[in-house]
Protein backbone atom coordinates (compact mmCIF):
# COMPACT_ATOMS: atom_id res chain seq x y z
CA UNK A 1 -36.71 19.05 -28.57
CA UNK A 2 -34.45 21.61 -29.90
CA UNK A 3 -34.09 22.49 -33.58
CA UNK A 4 -30.43 21.23 -33.51
CA UNK A 5 -31.35 17.77 -32.40
CA UNK A 6 -31.87 15.14 -35.21
CA UNK A 7 -35.03 13.25 -35.62
CA UNK A 8 -35.52 9.65 -36.68
CA UNK A 9 -36.53 8.44 -40.04
CA UNK A 10 -39.85 7.18 -38.39
CA UNK A 11 -40.68 10.55 -37.08
CA UNK A 12 -39.77 12.30 -40.42
CA UNK A 13 -42.06 9.90 -42.30
CA UNK A 14 -45.14 10.58 -40.05
CA UNK A 15 -44.49 14.58 -40.32
CA UNK A 16 -44.21 14.28 -43.92
CA UNK A 17 -47.41 12.14 -44.23
CA UNK A 18 -49.31 14.65 -42.07
CA UNK A 19 -48.17 17.58 -44.10
CA UNK A 20 -49.26 15.95 -47.30
CA UNK A 21 -52.48 14.36 -46.16
CA UNK A 22 -53.73 17.57 -44.62
CA UNK A 23 -54.68 19.13 -48.01
CA UNK A 24 -56.78 16.13 -49.07
CA UNK A 25 -60.41 15.77 -48.50
CA UNK A 26 -60.99 13.96 -44.96
CA UNK A 27 -57.81 12.07 -45.18
CA UNK A 28 -55.90 13.58 -42.10
CA UNK A 29 -56.93 10.93 -39.61
CA UNK A 30 -55.60 8.03 -37.67
CA UNK A 31 -57.20 5.83 -40.33
CA UNK A 32 -55.74 8.17 -43.36
CA UNK A 33 -52.18 7.95 -41.82
CA UNK A 34 -52.32 4.21 -41.31
CA UNK A 35 -53.61 3.55 -44.91
CA UNK A 36 -50.63 5.73 -46.33
CA UNK A 37 -47.73 4.49 -44.17
CA UNK A 38 -49.13 0.88 -44.13
CA UNK A 39 -49.34 0.42 -40.56
CA UNK A 40 -51.73 -0.33 -38.00
CA UNK A 41 -54.17 2.29 -36.33
CA UNK A 42 -52.62 1.42 -33.10
CA UNK A 43 -49.36 2.25 -34.39
CA UNK A 44 -50.29 5.55 -35.64
CA UNK A 45 -51.89 6.47 -32.24
CA UNK A 46 -48.63 5.58 -30.28
CA UNK A 47 -46.69 7.70 -32.87
CA UNK A 48 -49.00 10.67 -32.43
CA UNK A 49 -48.70 10.68 -28.90
CA UNK A 50 -44.87 10.67 -29.19
CA UNK A 51 -45.07 13.35 -31.99
CA UNK A 52 -47.13 15.50 -29.56
CA UNK A 53 -44.79 14.93 -26.47
CA UNK A 54 -41.77 16.07 -28.83
CA UNK A 55 -43.69 19.21 -29.59
CA UNK A 56 -44.26 18.56 -33.40
CA UNK A 57 -48.05 18.26 -33.37
CA UNK A 58 -51.14 19.11 -31.53
CA UNK A 59 -53.50 16.18 -30.94
CA UNK A 60 -56.19 14.87 -29.13
CA UNK A 61 -57.57 11.32 -29.48
CA UNK A 62 -60.39 11.82 -32.15
CA UNK A 63 -59.57 15.14 -32.46
CA UNK A 64 -57.68 17.37 -35.12
CA UNK A 65 -54.16 16.77 -35.94
CA UNK A 66 -52.01 20.00 -36.47
CA UNK A 67 -48.48 20.43 -37.10
CA UNK A 68 -46.81 22.99 -34.74
CA UNK A 69 -44.40 25.74 -36.13
CA UNK A 70 -41.52 23.22 -35.47
CA UNK A 71 -43.46 20.32 -36.97
CA UNK A 72 -44.13 22.13 -39.97
CA UNK A 73 -40.30 23.11 -40.38
CA UNK A 74 -39.42 19.49 -40.10
CA UNK A 75 -42.08 18.44 -42.31
CA UNK A 76 -41.29 20.73 -45.15
CA UNK A 77 -37.65 19.96 -44.73
CA UNK A 78 -38.06 16.40 -45.60
CA UNK A 79 -40.65 17.02 -48.34
CA UNK A 80 -37.78 19.26 -49.92
CA UNK A 81 -35.13 16.48 -49.68
CA UNK A 82 -37.55 14.24 -50.91
CA UNK A 83 -38.37 16.29 -53.92
CA UNK A 84 -34.76 17.06 -54.77
CA UNK A 85 -33.83 13.23 -54.43
CA UNK A 86 -36.59 12.51 -57.08
CA UNK A 87 -35.14 15.16 -59.39
CA UNK A 88 -31.38 13.74 -58.81
CA UNK A 89 -33.00 10.12 -59.57
CA UNK A 90 -34.96 11.25 -62.67
CA UNK A 91 -32.41 13.89 -64.40
CA UNK A 92 -29.22 12.55 -63.43
CA UNK A 93 -29.61 9.01 -63.02
CA UNK A 94 -32.43 8.23 -65.42
CA UNK A 95 -34.65 6.22 -63.01
CA UNK A 96 -38.16 5.79 -64.48
CA UNK A 97 -40.75 8.08 -63.15
CA UNK A 98 -42.79 5.23 -61.63
CA UNK A 99 -39.89 4.14 -59.44
CA UNK A 100 -38.48 7.71 -58.26
CA UNK A 101 -40.85 8.08 -55.43
CA UNK A 102 -40.13 4.95 -53.63
CA UNK A 103 -36.30 5.52 -54.11
CA UNK A 104 -36.59 9.03 -52.90
CA UNK A 105 -38.32 7.84 -49.73
CA UNK A 106 -35.21 5.87 -49.01
CA UNK A 107 -32.64 8.80 -49.81
CA UNK A 108 -34.78 11.55 -48.08
CA UNK A 109 -33.42 10.44 -44.49
CA UNK A 110 -29.90 10.17 -45.48
CA UNK A 111 -29.08 13.42 -47.33
CA UNK A 112 -26.99 15.93 -45.34
CA UNK A 113 -27.83 19.46 -45.63
CA UNK A 114 -24.72 20.10 -47.66
CA UNK A 115 -25.68 17.49 -50.25
CA UNK A 116 -29.15 18.69 -50.33
CA UNK A 117 -28.07 21.99 -51.12
CA UNK A 118 -25.49 20.79 -53.80
CA UNK A 119 -28.21 18.90 -55.36
CA UNK A 120 -30.23 22.28 -55.35
CA UNK A 121 -27.58 24.36 -56.78
CA UNK A 122 -26.72 21.94 -59.51
CA UNK A 123 -29.99 21.14 -60.75
CA UNK A 124 -31.94 24.47 -60.43
CA UNK A 125 -35.51 23.00 -60.32
CA UNK A 126 -38.48 24.31 -58.95
CA UNK A 127 -40.68 21.43 -59.12
CA UNK A 128 -40.03 17.60 -58.67
CA UNK A 129 -40.62 15.29 -61.70
CA UNK A 130 -44.37 14.85 -60.68
CA UNK A 131 -44.68 18.63 -60.62
CA UNK A 132 -44.76 19.26 -57.13
CA UNK A 133 -43.06 22.49 -55.60
CA UNK A 134 -39.63 22.05 -54.17
CA UNK A 135 -39.74 25.32 -52.31
CA UNK A 136 -42.39 27.37 -50.98
CA UNK A 137 -43.95 28.70 -54.30
CA UNK A 138 -47.39 29.21 -54.29
CA UNK A 139 -49.82 26.83 -56.06
CA UNK A 140 -52.92 27.87 -57.88
CA UNK A 141 -53.84 24.55 -59.49
CA UNK A 142 -57.05 22.66 -58.72
CA UNK A 143 -58.02 19.13 -58.89
CA UNK A 144 -59.07 17.80 -62.48
CA UNK A 145 -62.30 16.73 -60.63
CA UNK A 146 -63.26 20.20 -59.86
CA UNK A 147 -61.93 21.92 -62.96
CA UNK A 148 -64.24 23.82 -65.47
CA UNK A 149 -65.51 21.96 -68.36
CA UNK A 150 -64.46 22.81 -71.95
CA UNK A 151 -61.51 25.16 -71.11
CA UNK A 152 -57.90 24.77 -72.07
CA UNK A 153 -55.62 23.53 -68.98
CA UNK A 154 -52.27 22.11 -68.34
CA UNK A 155 -51.52 19.26 -65.84
CA UNK A 156 -49.65 21.09 -63.22
CA UNK A 157 -48.78 18.33 -60.77
CA UNK A 158 -49.76 14.66 -59.85
CA UNK A 159 -50.77 14.11 -56.34
CA UNK A 160 -50.56 10.32 -56.06
CA UNK A 161 -46.81 9.36 -56.76
CA UNK A 162 -47.27 5.52 -56.10
CA UNK A 163 -45.82 3.52 -58.82
CA UNK A 164 -49.02 1.87 -59.86
CA UNK A 165 -50.85 5.04 -60.35
CA UNK A 166 -47.84 6.71 -62.40
CA UNK A 167 -47.62 3.84 -64.55
CA UNK A 168 -51.27 4.17 -65.41
CA UNK A 169 -50.86 7.88 -65.95
CA UNK A 170 -47.58 7.55 -68.30
CA UNK A 171 -49.37 5.08 -70.42
CA UNK A 172 -52.26 7.83 -71.09
CA UNK A 173 -49.82 10.86 -71.38
CA UNK A 174 -51.28 12.28 -68.25
CA UNK A 175 -48.03 14.12 -67.00
CA UNK A 176 -47.18 17.63 -66.04
CA UNK A 177 -47.21 19.93 -69.07
CA UNK A 178 -49.72 17.78 -71.10
CA UNK A 179 -52.78 19.82 -72.42
CA UNK A 180 -56.06 18.67 -71.02
CA UNK A 181 -59.77 19.59 -71.32
CA UNK A 182 -62.41 18.25 -69.27
CA UNK A 183 -65.35 17.07 -71.70
CA UNK A 184 -67.98 15.66 -69.37
CA UNK A 185 -68.36 14.34 -65.95
CA UNK A 186 -70.91 11.62 -65.37
CA UNK A 187 -73.24 13.12 -62.51
CA UNK A 188 -74.00 9.99 -60.82
CA UNK A 189 -71.02 7.99 -62.25
CA UNK A 190 -67.61 7.41 -61.64
CA UNK A 191 -66.03 8.40 -65.15
CA UNK A 192 -64.66 11.56 -66.33
CA UNK A 193 -64.33 12.22 -70.01
CA UNK A 194 -61.35 14.35 -71.10
CA UNK A 195 -59.09 15.29 -74.02
CA UNK A 196 -55.39 14.84 -73.67
CA UNK A 197 -53.20 16.45 -76.19
CA UNK A 198 -56.09 16.10 -78.59
CA UNK A 199 -56.93 12.62 -77.91
CA UNK A 200 -60.18 11.60 -75.93
CA UNK A 201 -59.93 9.44 -72.89
CA UNK A 202 -61.87 8.31 -70.06
CA UNK A 203 -60.68 7.94 -66.48
CA UNK A 204 -62.19 7.37 -63.01
CA UNK A 205 -63.20 10.02 -60.57
CA UNK A 206 -60.52 8.64 -58.13
CA UNK A 207 -57.66 9.15 -60.44
CA UNK A 208 -59.04 12.62 -61.66
CA UNK A 209 -58.94 14.04 -58.20
CA UNK A 210 -55.24 13.17 -57.87
CA UNK A 211 -54.30 15.21 -61.13
CA UNK A 212 -54.23 18.94 -60.57
CA UNK A 213 -54.39 21.28 -63.37
CA UNK A 214 -53.84 24.99 -64.09
CA UNK A 215 -54.24 27.59 -66.99
CA UNK A 216 -51.30 27.00 -69.13
CA UNK A 217 -49.45 30.31 -68.40
CA UNK A 218 -49.50 29.35 -64.59
CA UNK A 219 -47.77 25.94 -65.07
CA UNK A 220 -43.99 25.38 -64.37
CA UNK A 221 -42.66 22.34 -65.85
CA UNK A 222 -38.83 21.54 -65.28
C-alpha cells in the first residue's frame, strides 16, 4: 500500500491500539488487543494478518507484533488527530473530560488534513486534555507506581482515558498539573498511599500504574 492510499477506520484503530499498548507491561498481545478493542481474539488474529499483508506490521503467530515504518507513521497520524480532537472537544465545545476520549474516537477518522492543521494552528496545544503529547515531544514521566517516595511530583499525564477511570480521577483531583507525593506502598498489598494537593488519599496499584508523574519543572499542562 502506498502512503497516498487511505486506510479504513478499522485499520487505523488497530494501528493506534498497537502503538499505545506497546509501552505497557505485557499488554501488546492478541489478548491485550482483543481486550482494548472489545473484539474476539480470532478477530484480532485475522486483522493482524491483514496488517502484515498491507506492510503496516511484522507479525508471526504467538510472536512479537511490531509496527513497520509506514505502520508507525499511520499510527502516529491517527493518535495526533485523536488528541487534537480531544482538545477541540474540551477547550472549544466544553465536553466533560470523561467523555472526550470516546467522542474523539469517532472524530479521529473523519478529520481531513486541512481541518486537522486548522485545529492545531488555532489551539496551539502541546498535550491533550489527559496530558499526553500531541506531537513528538520527549516524555520523561514515570508511572506513579514506580515513582520515588516522599518527593514532590506533578501529574504529567493519564494513560487510561476510559470514562470510568477518568470520572474516578476527576473526583479525587488526580489530573495533570496536580501536586502529588507517594507516601507509602504496601509491599504485598494493592494500596498506594499518596498526598494530592496536600490531601491524603489511598488508591489501588492498578490505577497508580496508569498515572504518570514527573518533577514539576518537566510537566507541560495546556
